[in-house]
Amino acid sequence: MAALFEEAAKGSFELAEGELIGGVQERRRLVLEEEDEALLLRRFLSELLYWYDVDRFFTTGIRVISASGKRLEAEAEGRRVEHGPLPKIPMKAVTYHNLTARQEESGEWVATVVFDV
């Protein structure tokens, strides 16, 4: 499950256009709880997007410390840019539309996440 969250974060920020210039390197800790895996994934991605929109924090890496069906603890690495441009992220929100996260018989986790752009 940890890999699912790390890859989802990586994928969402790979959509960014432009270069990350300057800023202050930061690490942030994130502890979230939700009713199930899909809602936890949505909330996790929404939190990263919130940091981008409000704090001007651009996530460059995620390390999941622990993940269970209802709880996630992770550390984000990135840059907070007080002044100047940030790479543009085309998404506005993480939606509930078709939201799924499940473990396959093989043990691999798969998810569907739809972004509002």
PDB file of N, CA and C in Angstrom:
ATOM      1  N   MET A   1       0.819  -1.195   0.000  1.00  0.00           N
ATOM      2  CA  MET A   1       0.000   0.000   0.000  1.00  0.00           C
ATOM      3  C   MET A   1       0.865   1.263   0.000  1.00  0.00           C
ATOM      4  N   ALA A   2       2.010   1.209   0.655  1.00  0.00           N
ATOM      5  CA  ALA A   2       2.902   2.374   0.701  1.00  0.00           C
ATOM      6  C   ALA A   2       3.313   2.799  -0.710  1.00  0.00           C
ATOM      7  N   ALA A   3       3.643   1.826  -1.565  1.00  0.00           N
ATOM      8  CA  ALA A   3       4.072   2.132  -2.928  1.00  0.00           C
ATOM      9  C   ALA A   3       2.965   2.834  -3.719  1.00  0.00           C
ATOM     10  N   LEU A   4       1.713   2.451  -3.482  1.00  0.00           N
ATOM     11  CA  LEU A   4       0.584   3.087  -4.160  1.00  0.00           C
ATOM     12  C   LEU A   4       0.565   4.585  -3.863  1.00  0.00           C
ATOM     13  N   PHE A   5       0.713   4.946  -2.600  1.00  0.00           N
ATOM     14  CA  PHE A   5       0.676   6.354  -2.207  1.00  0.00           C
ATOM     15  C   PHE A   5       1.883   7.108  -2.758  1.00  0.00           C
ATOM     16  N   GLU A   6       3.056   6.495  -2.696  1.00  0.00           N
ATOM     17  CA  GLU A   6       4.259   7.147  -3.211  1.00  0.00           C
ATOM     18  C   GLU A   6       4.160   7.377  -4.716  1.00  0.00           C
ATOM     19  N   GLU A   7       3.684   6.377  -5.446  1.00  0.00           N
ATOM     20  CA  GLU A   7       3.560   6.501  -6.900  1.00  0.00           C
ATOM     21  C   GLU A   7       2.464   7.487  -7.302  1.00  0.00           C
ATOM     22  N   ALA A   8       1.373   7.519  -6.552  1.00  0.00           N
ATOM     23  CA  ALA A   8       0.296   8.470  -6.845  1.00  0.00           C
ATOM     24  C   ALA A   8       0.782   9.907  -6.670  1.00  0.00           C
ATOM     25  N   ALA A   9       1.535  10.156  -5.614  1.00  0.00           N
ATOM     26  CA  ALA A   9       2.078  11.498  -5.388  1.00  0.00           C
ATOM     27  C   ALA A   9       3.062  11.865  -6.494  1.00  0.00           C
ATOM     28  N   LYS A  10       3.944  10.941  -6.797  1.00  0.00           N
ATOM     29  CA  LYS A  10       4.942  11.170  -7.846  1.00  0.00           C
ATOM     30  C   LYS A  10       4.254  11.468  -9.175  1.00  0.00           C
ATOM     31  N   GLY A  11       3.256  10.671  -9.515  1.00  0.00           N
ATOM     32  CA  GLY A  11       2.540  10.860 -10.770  1.00  0.00           C
ATOM     33  C   GLY A  11       1.826  12.188 -10.854  1.00  0.00           C
ATOM     34  N   SER A  12       1.218  12.612  -9.756  1.00  0.00           N
ATOM     35  CA  SER A  12       0.465  13.866  -9.796  1.00  0.00           C
ATOM     36  C   SER A  12       1.393  15.063  -9.965  1.00  0.00           C
ATOM     37  N   PHE A  13       2.571  15.038  -9.347  1.00  0.00           N
ATOM     38  CA  PHE A  13       3.477  16.172  -9.482  1.00  0.00           C
ATOM     39  C   PHE A  13       4.327  16.100 -10.741  1.00  0.00           C
ATOM     40  N   GLU A  14       4.369  14.959 -11.393  1.00  0.00           N
ATOM     41  CA  GLU A  14       5.054  14.877 -12.688  1.00  0.00           C
ATOM     42  C   GLU A  14       4.257  15.596 -13.773  1.00  0.00           C
ATOM     43  N   LEU A  15       3.004  15.917 -13.491  1.00  0.00           N
ATOM     44  CA  LEU A  15       2.185  16.663 -14.445  1.00  0.00           C
ATOM     45  C   LEU A  15       2.553  18.142 -14.486  1.00  0.00           C
ATOM     46  N   ALA A  16       3.393  18.578 -13.548  1.00  0.00           N
ATOM     47  CA  ALA A  16       3.757  19.998 -13.448  1.00  0.00           C
ATOM     48  C   ALA A  16       4.512  20.456 -14.687  1.00  0.00           C
ATOM     49  N   GLU A  17       4.250  21.704 -15.052  1.00  0.00           N
ATOM     50  CA  GLU A  17       4.913  22.319 -16.191  1.00  0.00           C
ATOM     51  C   GLU A  17       5.786  23.453 -15.671  1.00  0.00           C
ATOM     52  N   GLY A  18       7.010  23.508 -16.123  1.00  0.00           N
ATOM     53  CA  GLY A  18       7.917  24.566 -15.687  1.00  0.00           C
ATOM     54  C   GLY A  18       8.956  24.029 -14.722  1.00  0.00           C
ATOM     55  N   GLU A  19       9.915  24.875 -14.423  1.00  0.00           N
ATOM     56  CA  GLU A  19      11.055  24.485 -13.593  1.00  0.00           C
ATOM     57  C   GLU A  19      10.893  25.012 -12.175  1.00  0.00           C
ATOM     58  N   LEU A  20      11.327  24.235 -11.221  1.00  0.00           N
ATOM     59  CA  LEU A  20      11.332  24.652  -9.817  1.00  0.00           C
ATOM     60  C   LEU A  20      12.639  25.399  -9.563  1.00  0.00           C
ATOM     61  N   ILE A  21      12.525  26.694  -9.322  1.00  0.00           N
ATOM     62  CA  ILE A  21      13.707  27.547  -9.137  1.00  0.00           C
ATOM     63  C   ILE A  21      13.667  28.145  -7.745  1.00  0.00           C
ATOM     64  N   GLY A  22      14.765  27.986  -7.026  1.00  0.00           N
ATOM     65  CA  GLY A  22      14.896  28.610  -5.717  1.00  0.00           C
ATOM     66  C   GLY A  22      14.035  27.944  -4.664  1.00  0.00           C
ATOM     67  N   GLY A  23      13.749  28.701  -3.645  1.00  0.00           N
ATOM     68  CA  GLY A  23      12.930  28.198  -2.561  1.00  0.00           C
ATOM     69  C   GLY A  23      13.765  27.588  -1.453  1.00  0.00           C
ATOM     70  N   VAL A  24      13.073  27.284  -0.382  1.00  0.00           N
ATOM     71  CA  VAL A  24      13.697  26.730   0.810  1.00  0.00           C
ATOM     72  C   VAL A  24      13.349  25.246   0.891  1.00  0.00           C
ATOM     73  N   GLN A  25      14.372  24.413   1.019  1.00  0.00           N
ATOM     74  CA  GLN A  25      14.156  22.969   1.155  1.00  0.00           C
ATOM     75  C   GLN A  25      13.469  22.702   2.496  1.00  0.00           C
ATOM     76  N   GLU A  26      12.405  21.899   2.476  1.00  0.00           N
ATOM     77  CA  GLU A  26      11.677  21.556   3.692  1.00  0.00           C
ATOM     78  C   GLU A  26      11.288  20.085   3.677  1.00  0.00           C
ATOM     79  N   ARG A  27      11.069  19.574   4.877  1.00  0.00           N
ATOM     80  CA  ARG A  27      10.449  18.256   5.054  1.00  0.00           C
ATOM     81  C   ARG A  27       9.211  18.464   5.893  1.00  0.00           C
ATOM     82  N   ARG A  28       8.150  17.789   5.504  1.00  0.00           N
ATOM     83  CA  ARG A  28       6.888  17.902   6.227  1.00  0.00           C
ATOM     84  C   ARG A  28       6.367  16.515   6.551  1.00  0.00           C
ATOM     85  N   ARG A  29       5.797  16.392   7.714  1.00  0.00           N
ATOM     86  CA  ARG A  29       5.232  15.117   8.153  1.00  0.00           C
ATOM     87  C   ARG A  29       3.717  15.178   7.990  1.00  0.00           C
ATOM     88  N   LEU A  30       3.157  14.065   7.606  1.00  0.00           N
ATOM     89  CA  LEU A  30       1.731  13.979   7.332  1.00  0.00           C
ATOM     90  C   LEU A  30       1.172  12.733   8.005  1.00  0.00           C
ATOM     91  N   VAL A  31       0.174  12.911   8.843  1.00  0.00           N
ATOM     92  CA  VAL A  31      -0.511  11.782   9.480  1.00  0.00           C
ATOM     93  C   VAL A  31      -1.999  11.959   9.209  1.00  0.00           C
ATOM     94  N   LEU A  32      -2.587  10.976   8.520  1.00  0.00           N
ATOM     95  CA  LEU A  32      -3.993  11.069   8.127  1.00  0.00           C
ATOM     96  C   LEU A  32      -4.732   9.793   8.491  1.00  0.00           C
ATOM     97  N   GLU A  33      -6.015   9.936   8.771  1.00  0.00           N
ATOM     98  CA  GLU A  33      -6.891   8.784   8.993  1.00  0.00           C
ATOM     99  C   GLU A  33      -8.173   8.994   8.199  1.00  0.00           C
ATOM    100  N   GLU A  34      -8.670   7.926   7.610  1.00  0.00           N
ATOM    101  CA  GLU A  34      -9.916   7.953   6.849  1.00  0.00           C
ATOM    102  C   GLU A  34     -10.637   6.624   7.006  1.00  0.00           C
ATOM    103  N   GLU A  35     -11.828   6.539   6.420  1.00  0.00           N
ATOM    104  CA  GLU A  35     -12.666   5.342   6.548  1.00  0.00           C
ATOM    105  C   GLU A  35     -12.150   4.147   5.759  1.00  0.00           C
ATOM    106  N   ASP A  36     -11.483   4.395   4.617  1.00  0.00           N
ATOM    107  CA  ASP A  36     -10.964   3.294   3.795  1.00  0.00           C
ATOM    108  C   ASP A  36      -9.790   3.780   2.954  1.00  0.00           C
ATOM    109  N   GLU A  37      -9.204   2.874   2.207  1.00  0.00           N
ATOM    110  CA  GLU A  37      -8.005   3.165   1.433  1.00  0.00           C
ATOM    111  C   GLU A  37      -8.232   4.225   0.366  1.00  0.00           C
ATOM    112  N   ALA A  38      -9.350   4.147  -0.335  1.00  0.00           N
ATOM    113  CA  ALA A  38      -9.625   5.105  -1.405  1.00  0.00           C
ATOM    114  C   ALA A  38      -9.766   6.521  -0.855  1.00  0.00           C
ATOM    115  N   LEU A  39     -10.509   6.672   0.230  1.00  0.00           N
ATOM    116  CA  LEU A  39     -10.669   7.994   0.830  1.00  0.00           C
ATOM    117  C   LEU A  39      -9.356   8.506   1.406  1.00  0.00           C
ATOM    118  N   LEU A  40      -8.548   7.604   1.918  1.00  0.00           N
ATOM    119  CA  LEU A  40      -7.244   7.980   2.447  1.00  0.00           C
ATOM    120  C   LEU A  40      -6.333   8.477   1.318  1.00  0.00           C
ATOM    121  N   LEU A  41      -6.371   7.818   0.181  1.00  0.00           N
ATOM    122  CA  LEU A  41      -5.579   8.239  -0.967  1.00  0.00           C
ATOM    123  C   LEU A  41      -6.028   9.614  -1.455  1.00  0.00           C
ATOM    124  N   ARG A  42      -7.326   9.815  -1.549  1.00  0.00           N
ATOM    125  CA  ARG A  42      -7.846  11.112  -1.981  1.00  0.00           C
ATOM    126  C   ARG A  42      -7.422  12.218  -1.032  1.00  0.00           C
ATOM    127  N   ARG A  43      -7.545  11.972   0.254  1.00  0.00           N
ATOM    128  CA  ARG A  43      -7.181  12.990   1.248  1.00  0.00           C
ATOM    129  C   ARG A  43      -5.677  13.288   1.199  1.00  0.00           C
ATOM    130  N   PHE A  44      -4.874  12.267   1.036  1.00  0.00           N
ATOM    131  CA  PHE A  44      -3.430  12.417   0.934  1.00  0.00           C
ATOM    132  C   PHE A  44      -3.065  13.321  -0.249  1.00  0.00           C
ATOM    133  N   LEU A  45      -3.585  13.011  -1.426  1.00  0.00           N
ATOM    134  CA  LEU A  45      -3.289  13.815  -2.603  1.00  0.00           C
ATOM    135  C   LEU A  45      -3.844  15.231  -2.471  1.00  0.00           C
ATOM    136  N   SER A  46      -5.006  15.353  -1.837  1.00  0.00           N
ATOM    137  CA  SER A  46      -5.604  16.673  -1.609  1.00  0.00           C
ATOM    138  C   SER A  46      -4.733  17.511  -0.680  1.00  0.00           C
ATOM    139  N   GLU A  47      -4.150  16.888   0.310  1.00  0.00           N
ATOM    140  CA  GLU A  47      -3.273  17.609   1.238  1.00  0.00           C
ATOM    141  C   GLU A  47      -2.028  18.128   0.515  1.00  0.00           C
ATOM    142  N   LEU A  48      -1.448  17.317  -0.337  1.00  0.00           N
ATOM    143  CA  LEU A  48      -0.286  17.772  -1.104  1.00  0.00           C
ATOM    144  C   LEU A  48      -0.658  18.938  -2.016  1.00  0.00           C
ATOM    145  N   LEU A  49      -1.827  18.864  -2.625  1.00  0.00           N
ATOM    146  CA  LEU A  49      -2.298  19.951  -3.477  1.00  0.00           C
ATOM    147  C   LEU A  49      -2.567  21.211  -2.659  1.00  0.00           C
ATOM    148  N   TYR A  50      -3.117  21.055  -1.464  1.00  0.00           N
ATOM    149  CA  TYR A  50      -3.360  22.192  -0.558  1.00  0.00           C
ATOM    150  C   TYR A  50      -2.030  22.874  -0.210  1.00  0.00           C
ATOM    151  N   TRP A  51      -1.015  22.092   0.135  1.00  0.00           N
ATOM    152  CA  TRP A  51       0.294  22.676   0.446  1.00  0.00           C
ATOM    153  C   TRP A  51       0.815  23.479  -0.732  1.00  0.00           C
ATOM    154  N   TYR A  52       0.602  22.984  -1.923  1.00  0.00           N
ATOM    155  CA  TYR A  52       1.037  23.696  -3.129  1.00  0.00           C
ATOM    156  C   TYR A  52       0.271  25.012  -3.279  1.00  0.00           C
ATOM    157  N   ASP A  53      -1.048  24.935  -3.189  1.00  0.00           N
ATOM    158  CA  ASP A  53      -1.896  26.112  -3.411  1.00  0.00           C
ATOM    159  C   ASP A  53      -1.742  27.168  -2.324  1.00  0.00           C
ATOM    160  N   VAL A  54      -1.711  26.752  -1.073  1.00  0.00           N
ATOM    161  CA  VAL A  54      -1.742  27.697   0.049  1.00  0.00           C
ATOM    162  C   VAL A  54      -0.344  28.046   0.563  1.00  0.00           C
ATOM    163  N   ASP A  55       0.502  27.047   0.735  1.00  0.00           N
ATOM    164  CA  ASP A  55       1.825  27.270   1.322  1.00  0.00           C
ATOM    165  C   ASP A  55       2.919  27.481   0.285  1.00  0.00           C
ATOM    166  N   ARG A  56       2.594  27.296  -1.002  1.00  0.00           N
ATOM    167  CA  ARG A  56       3.567  27.386  -2.082  1.00  0.00           C
ATOM    168  C   ARG A  56       4.693  26.377  -1.871  1.00  0.00           C
ATOM    169  N   PHE A  57       4.293  25.183  -1.408  1.00  0.00           N
ATOM    170  CA  PHE A  57       5.220  24.081  -1.167  1.00  0.00           C
ATOM    171  C   PHE A  57       5.074  23.082  -2.305  1.00  0.00           C
ATOM    172  N   PHE A  58       6.142  22.897  -3.057  1.00  0.00           N
ATOM    173  CA  PHE A  58       6.138  21.970  -4.187  1.00  0.00           C
ATOM    174  C   PHE A  58       6.797  20.673  -3.739  1.00  0.00           C
ATOM    175  N   THR A  59       6.046  19.592  -3.718  1.00  0.00           N
ATOM    176  CA  THR A  59       6.539  18.292  -3.273  1.00  0.00           C
ATOM    177  C   THR A  59       7.452  17.680  -4.324  1.00  0.00           C
ATOM    178  N   THR A  60       8.649  17.280  -3.892  1.00  0.00           N
ATOM    179  CA  THR A  60       9.593  16.637  -4.801  1.00  0.00           C
ATOM    180  C   THR A  60       9.809  15.170  -4.455  1.00  0.00           C
ATOM    181  N   GLY A  61       9.343  14.742  -3.295  1.00  0.00           N
ATOM    182  CA  GLY A  61       9.495  13.344  -2.912  1.00  0.00           C
ATOM    183  C   GLY A  61       8.609  12.990  -1.735  1.00  0.00           C
ATOM    184  N   ILE A  62       8.194  11.735  -1.674  1.00  0.00           N
ATOM    185  CA  ILE A  62       7.359  11.222  -0.585  1.00  0.00           C
ATOM    186  C   ILE A  62       7.975   9.925  -0.078  1.00  0.00           C
ATOM    187  N   ARG A  63       7.998   9.784   1.226  1.00  0.00           N
ATOM    188  CA  ARG A  63       8.397   8.523   1.844  1.00  0.00           C
ATOM    189  C   ARG A  63       7.295   8.122   2.808  1.00  0.00           C
ATOM    190  N   VAL A  64       6.635   7.021   2.510  1.00  0.00           N
ATOM    191  CA  VAL A  64       5.592   6.523   3.400  1.00  0.00           C
ATOM    192  C   VAL A  64       6.268   5.787   4.550  1.00  0.00           C
ATOM    193  N   ILE A  65       5.961   6.221   5.749  1.00  0.00           N
ATOM    194  CA  ILE A  65       6.526   5.614   6.949  1.00  0.00           C
ATOM    195  C   ILE A  65       5.702   4.403   7.352  1.00  0.00           C
ATOM    196  N   SER A  66       4.378   4.580   7.334  1.00  0.00           N
ATOM    197  CA  SER A  66       3.485   3.454   7.604  1.00  0.00           C
ATOM    198  C   SER A  66       2.148   3.712   6.921  1.00  0.00           C
ATOM    199  N   ALA A  67       1.525   2.612   6.485  1.00  0.00           N
ATOM    200  CA  ALA A  67       0.224   2.714   5.818  1.00  0.00           C
ATOM    201  C   ALA A  67      -0.586   1.472   6.151  1.00  0.00           C
ATOM    202  N   SER A  68      -1.814   1.717   6.582  1.00  0.00           N
ATOM    203  CA  SER A  68      -2.763   0.628   6.797  1.00  0.00           C
ATOM    204  C   SER A  68      -4.037   1.031   6.085  1.00  0.00           C
ATOM    205  N   GLY A  69      -5.088   0.248   6.211  1.00  0.00           N
ATOM    206  CA  GLY A  69      -6.324   0.555   5.513  1.00  0.00           C
ATOM    207  C   GLY A  69      -6.936   1.893   5.851  1.00  0.00           C
ATOM    208  N   LYS A  70      -6.691   2.384   7.058  1.00  0.00           N
ATOM    209  CA  LYS A  70      -7.344   3.617   7.494  1.00  0.00           C
ATOM    210  C   LYS A  70      -6.383   4.711   7.941  1.00  0.00           C
ATOM    211  N   ARG A  71      -5.102   4.422   7.986  1.00  0.00           N
ATOM    212  CA  ARG A  71      -4.139   5.390   8.521  1.00  0.00           C
ATOM    213  C   ARG A  71      -2.882   5.433   7.664  1.00  0.00           C
ATOM    214  N   LEU A  72      -2.383   6.656   7.478  1.00  0.00           N
ATOM    215  CA  LEU A  72      -1.167   6.870   6.710  1.00  0.00           C
ATOM    216  C   LEU A  72      -0.271   7.837   7.471  1.00  0.00           C
ATOM    217  N   GLU A  73       0.994   7.490   7.515  1.00  0.00           N
ATOM    218  CA  GLU A  73       2.001   8.395   8.049  1.00  0.00           C
ATOM    219  C   GLU A  73       3.088   8.502   6.991  1.00  0.00           C
ATOM    220  N   ALA A  74       3.406   9.736   6.594  1.00  0.00           N
ATOM    221  CA  ALA A  74       4.367   9.936   5.519  1.00  0.00           C
ATOM    222  C   ALA A  74       5.183  11.193   5.769  1.00  0.00           C
ATOM    223  N   GLU A  75       6.290  11.272   5.045  1.00  0.00           N
ATOM    224  CA  GLU A  75       7.133  12.458   5.089  1.00  0.00           C
ATOM    225  C   GLU A  75       7.301  12.961   3.664  1.00  0.00           C
ATOM    226  N   ALA A  76       7.045  14.244   3.487  1.00  0.00           N
ATOM    227  CA  ALA A  76       7.186  14.867   2.169  1.00  0.00           C
ATOM    228  C   ALA A  76       8.431  15.738   2.158  1.00  0.00           C
ATOM    229  N   GLU A  77       9.132  15.688   1.045  1.00  0.00           N
ATOM    230  CA  GLU A  77      10.275  16.557   0.840  1.00  0.00           C
ATOM    231  C   GLU A  77       9.935  17.474  -0.316  1.00  0.00           C
ATOM    232  N   GLY A  78      10.345  18.726  -0.219  1.00  0.00           N
ATOM    233  CA  GLY A  78      10.061  19.649  -1.298  1.00  0.00           C
ATOM    234  C   GLY A  78      10.649  21.017  -1.036  1.00  0.00           C
ATOM    235  N   ARG A  79      10.162  21.983  -1.787  1.00  0.00           N
ATOM    236  CA  ARG A  79      10.644  23.358  -1.652  1.00  0.00           C
ATOM    237  C   ARG A  79       9.455  24.292  -1.468  1.00  0.00           C
ATOM    238  N   ARG A  80       9.623  25.206  -0.531  1.00  0.00           N
ATOM    239  CA  ARG A  80       8.641  26.274  -0.321  1.00  0.00           C
ATOM    240  C   ARG A  80       9.205  27.525  -0.979  1.00  0.00           C
ATOM    241  N   VAL A  81       8.470  28.040  -1.944  1.00  0.00           N
ATOM    242  CA  VAL A  81       8.908  29.199  -2.721  1.00  0.00           C
ATOM    243  C   VAL A  81       8.049  30.394  -2.315  1.00  0.00           C
ATOM    244  N   GLU A  82       8.664  31.317  -1.579  1.00  0.00           N
ATOM    245  CA  GLU A  82       7.906  32.481  -1.104  1.00  0.00           C
ATOM    246  C   GLU A  82       7.610  33.469  -2.216  1.00  0.00           C
ATOM    247  N   HIS A  83       8.587  33.686  -3.085  1.00  0.00           N
ATOM    248  CA  HIS A  83       8.433  34.661  -4.169  1.00  0.00           C
ATOM    249  C   HIS A  83       8.853  34.013  -5.475  1.00  0.00           C
ATOM    250  N   GLY A  84       8.257  34.455  -6.528  1.00  0.00           N
ATOM    251  CA  GLY A  84       8.613  33.926  -7.837  1.00  0.00           C
ATOM    252  C   GLY A  84       7.683  32.804  -8.252  1.00  0.00           C
ATOM    253  N   PRO A  85       7.874  32.338  -9.457  1.00  0.00           N
ATOM    254  CA  PRO A  85       6.968  31.329 -10.016  1.00  0.00           C
ATOM    255  C   PRO A  85       7.220  29.926  -9.456  1.00  0.00           C
ATOM    256  N   LEU A  86       6.166  29.171  -9.401  1.00  0.00           N
ATOM    257  CA  LEU A  86       6.214  27.739  -9.100  1.00  0.00           C
ATOM    258  C   LEU A  86       5.928  26.992 -10.396  1.00  0.00           C
ATOM    259  N   PRO A  87       6.380  25.757 -10.519  1.00  0.00           N
ATOM    260  CA  PRO A  87       5.923  24.958 -11.656  1.00  0.00           C
ATOM    261  C   PRO A  87       4.393  24.890 -11.627  1.00  0.00           C
ATOM    262  N   LYS A  88       3.790  24.999 -12.778  1.00  0.00           N
ATOM    263  CA  LYS A  88       2.320  25.011 -12.845  1.00  0.00           C
ATOM    264  C   LYS A  88       1.780  23.588 -12.787  1.00  0.00           C
ATOM    265  N   ILE A  89       0.845  23.365 -11.857  1.00  0.00           N
ATOM    266  CA  ILE A  89       0.172  22.071 -11.744  1.00  0.00           C
ATOM    267  C   ILE A  89      -1.228  22.249 -12.336  1.00  0.00           C
ATOM    268  N   PRO A  90      -1.596  21.429 -13.325  1.00  0.00           N
ATOM    269  CA  PRO A  90      -2.861  21.643 -14.023  1.00  0.00           C
ATOM    270  C   PRO A  90      -4.108  21.224 -13.240  1.00  0.00           C
ATOM    271  N   MET A  91      -3.966  20.590 -12.090  1.00  0.00           N
ATOM    272  CA  MET A  91      -5.149  20.109 -11.379  1.00  0.00           C
ATOM    273  C   MET A  91      -5.601  21.095 -10.312  1.00  0.00           C
ATOM    274  N   LYS A  92      -6.916  21.134 -10.136  1.00  0.00           N
ATOM    275  CA  LYS A  92      -7.524  22.011  -9.146  1.00  0.00           C
ATOM    276  C   LYS A  92      -7.943  21.251  -7.904  1.00  0.00           C
ATOM    277  N   ALA A  93      -8.329  19.988  -8.079  1.00  0.00           N
ATOM    278  CA  ALA A  93      -8.832  19.205  -6.946  1.00  0.00           C
ATOM    279  C   ALA A  93      -8.755  17.719  -7.264  1.00  0.00           C
ATOM    280  N   VAL A  94      -8.795  16.938  -6.192  1.00  0.00           N
ATOM    281  CA  VAL A  94      -8.879  15.483  -6.301  1.00  0.00           C
ATOM    282  C   VAL A  94     -10.342  15.136  -6.050  1.00  0.00           C
ATOM    283  N   THR A  95     -10.990  14.498  -7.018  1.00  0.00           N
ATOM    284  CA  THR A  95     -12.430  14.274  -6.927  1.00  0.00           C
ATOM    285  C   THR A  95     -12.762  12.913  -6.305  1.00  0.00           C
ATOM    286  N   TYR A  96     -14.047  12.752  -6.003  1.00  0.00           N
ATOM    287  CA  TYR A  96     -14.564  11.461  -5.543  1.00  0.00           C
ATOM    288  C   TYR A  96     -15.030  10.601  -6.719  1.00  0.00           C
ATOM    289  N   HIS A  97     -15.073  11.185  -7.907  1.00  0.00           N
ATOM    290  CA  HIS A  97     -15.604  10.502  -9.083  1.00  0.00           C
ATOM    291  C   HIS A  97     -14.767   9.265  -9.420  1.00  0.00           C
ATOM    292  N   ASN A  98     -15.411   8.105  -9.473  1.00  0.00           N
ATOM    293  CA  ASN A  98     -14.769   6.820  -9.802  1.00  0.00           C
ATOM    294  C   ASN A  98     -13.578   6.476  -8.908  1.00  0.00           C
ATOM    295  N   LEU A  99     -13.517   7.054  -7.727  1.00  0.00           N
ATOM    296  CA  LEU A  99     -12.401   6.840  -6.802  1.00  0.00           C
ATOM    297  C   LEU A  99     -12.390   5.402  -6.295  1.00  0.00           C
ATOM    298  N   THR A 100     -11.268   4.704  -6.512  1.00  0.00           N
ATOM    299  CA  THR A 100     -11.111   3.338  -6.008  1.00  0.00           C
ATOM    300  C   THR A 100      -9.667   3.119  -5.580  1.00  0.00           C
ATOM    301  N   ALA A 101      -9.479   2.214  -4.641  1.00  0.00           N
ATOM    302  CA  ALA A 101      -8.151   1.713  -4.262  1.00  0.00           C
ATOM    303  C   ALA A 101      -8.389   0.315  -3.720  1.00  0.00           C
ATOM    304  N   ARG A 102      -7.693  -0.650  -4.311  1.00  0.00           N
ATOM    305  CA  ARG A 102      -7.912  -2.033  -3.875  1.00  0.00           C
ATOM    306  C   ARG A 102      -6.652  -2.854  -4.083  1.00  0.00           C
ATOM    307  N   GLN A 103      -6.585  -3.936  -3.342  1.00  0.00           N
ATOM    308  CA  GLN A 103      -5.456  -4.842  -3.462  1.00  0.00           C
ATOM    309  C   GLN A 103      -5.867  -6.021  -4.333  1.00  0.00           C
ATOM    310  N   GLU A 104      -5.075  -6.279  -5.362  1.00  0.00           N
ATOM    311  CA  GLU A 104      -5.322  -7.398  -6.264  1.00  0.00           C
ATOM    312  C   GLU A 104      -4.945  -8.718  -5.587  1.00  0.00           C
ATOM    313  N   GLU A 105      -5.381  -9.822  -6.158  1.00  0.00           N
ATOM    314  CA  GLU A 105      -5.018 -11.135  -5.626  1.00  0.00           C
ATOM    315  C   GLU A 105      -3.504 -11.339  -5.579  1.00  0.00           C
ATOM    316  N   SER A 106      -2.810 -10.693  -6.493  1.00  0.00           N
ATOM    317  CA  SER A 106      -1.343 -10.797  -6.550  1.00  0.00           C
ATOM    318  C   SER A 106      -0.665 -10.051  -5.407  1.00  0.00           C
ATOM    319  N   GLY A 107      -1.451  -9.232  -4.700  1.00  0.00           N
ATOM    320  CA  GLY A 107      -0.896  -8.428  -3.617  1.00  0.00           C
ATOM    321  C   GLY A 107      -0.617  -6.988  -4.028  1.00  0.00           C
ATOM    322  N   GLU A 108      -0.647  -6.737  -5.338  1.00  0.00           N
ATOM    323  CA  GLU A 108      -0.397  -5.396  -5.844  1.00  0.00           C
ATOM    324  C   GLU A 108      -1.602  -4.490  -5.597  1.00  0.00           C
ATOM    325  N   TRP A 109      -1.331  -3.228  -5.241  1.00  0.00           N
ATOM    326  CA  TRP A 109      -2.387  -2.244  -5.054  1.00  0.00           C
ATOM    327  C   TRP A 109      -2.607  -1.479  -6.345  1.00  0.00           C
ATOM    328  N   VAL A 110      -3.871  -1.236  -6.688  1.00  0.00           N
ATOM    329  CA  VAL A 110      -4.235  -0.431  -7.856  1.00  0.00           C
ATOM    330  C   VAL A 110      -5.282   0.593  -7.427  1.00  0.00           C
ATOM    331  N   ALA A 111      -5.279   1.719  -8.128  1.00  0.00           N
ATOM    332  CA  ALA A 111      -6.219   2.786  -7.767  1.00  0.00           C
ATOM    333  C   ALA A 111      -6.670   3.526  -9.017  1.00  0.00           C
ATOM    334  N   THR A 112      -7.810   4.153  -8.903  1.00  0.00           N
ATOM    335  CA  THR A 112      -8.304   5.100  -9.896  1.00  0.00           C
ATOM    336  C   THR A 112      -8.556   6.405  -9.192  1.00  0.00           C
ATOM    337  N   VAL A 113      -7.944   7.460  -9.688  1.00  0.00           N
ATOM    338  CA  VAL A 113      -8.111   8.805  -9.122  1.00  0.00           C
ATOM    339  C   VAL A 113      -8.388   9.746 -10.275  1.00  0.00           C
ATOM    340  N   VAL A 114      -9.411  10.577 -10.141  1.00  0.00           N
ATOM    341  CA  VAL A 114      -9.760  11.549 -11.160  1.00  0.00           C
ATOM    342  C   VAL A 114      -9.499  12.942 -10.591  1.00  0.00           C
ATOM    343  N   PHE A 115      -8.747  13.750 -11.333  1.00  0.00           N
ATOM    344  CA  PHE A 115      -8.449  15.126 -10.927  1.00  0.00           C
ATOM    345  C   PHE A 115      -9.340  16.089 -11.684  1.00  0.00           C
ATOM    346  N   ASP A 116      -9.755  17.144 -11.008  1.00  0.00           N
ATOM    347  CA  ASP A 116     -10.443  18.252 -11.658  1.00  0.00           C
ATOM    348  C   ASP A 116      -9.351  19.184 -12.192  1.00  0.00           C
ATOM    349  N   VAL A 117      -9.386  19.430 -13.495  1.00  0.00           N
ATOM    350  CA  VAL A 117      -8.342  20.266 -14.099  1.00  0.00           C
ATOM    351  C   VAL A 117      -8.903  21.567 -14.647  1.00  0.00           C
TER     352      VAL A 117
END
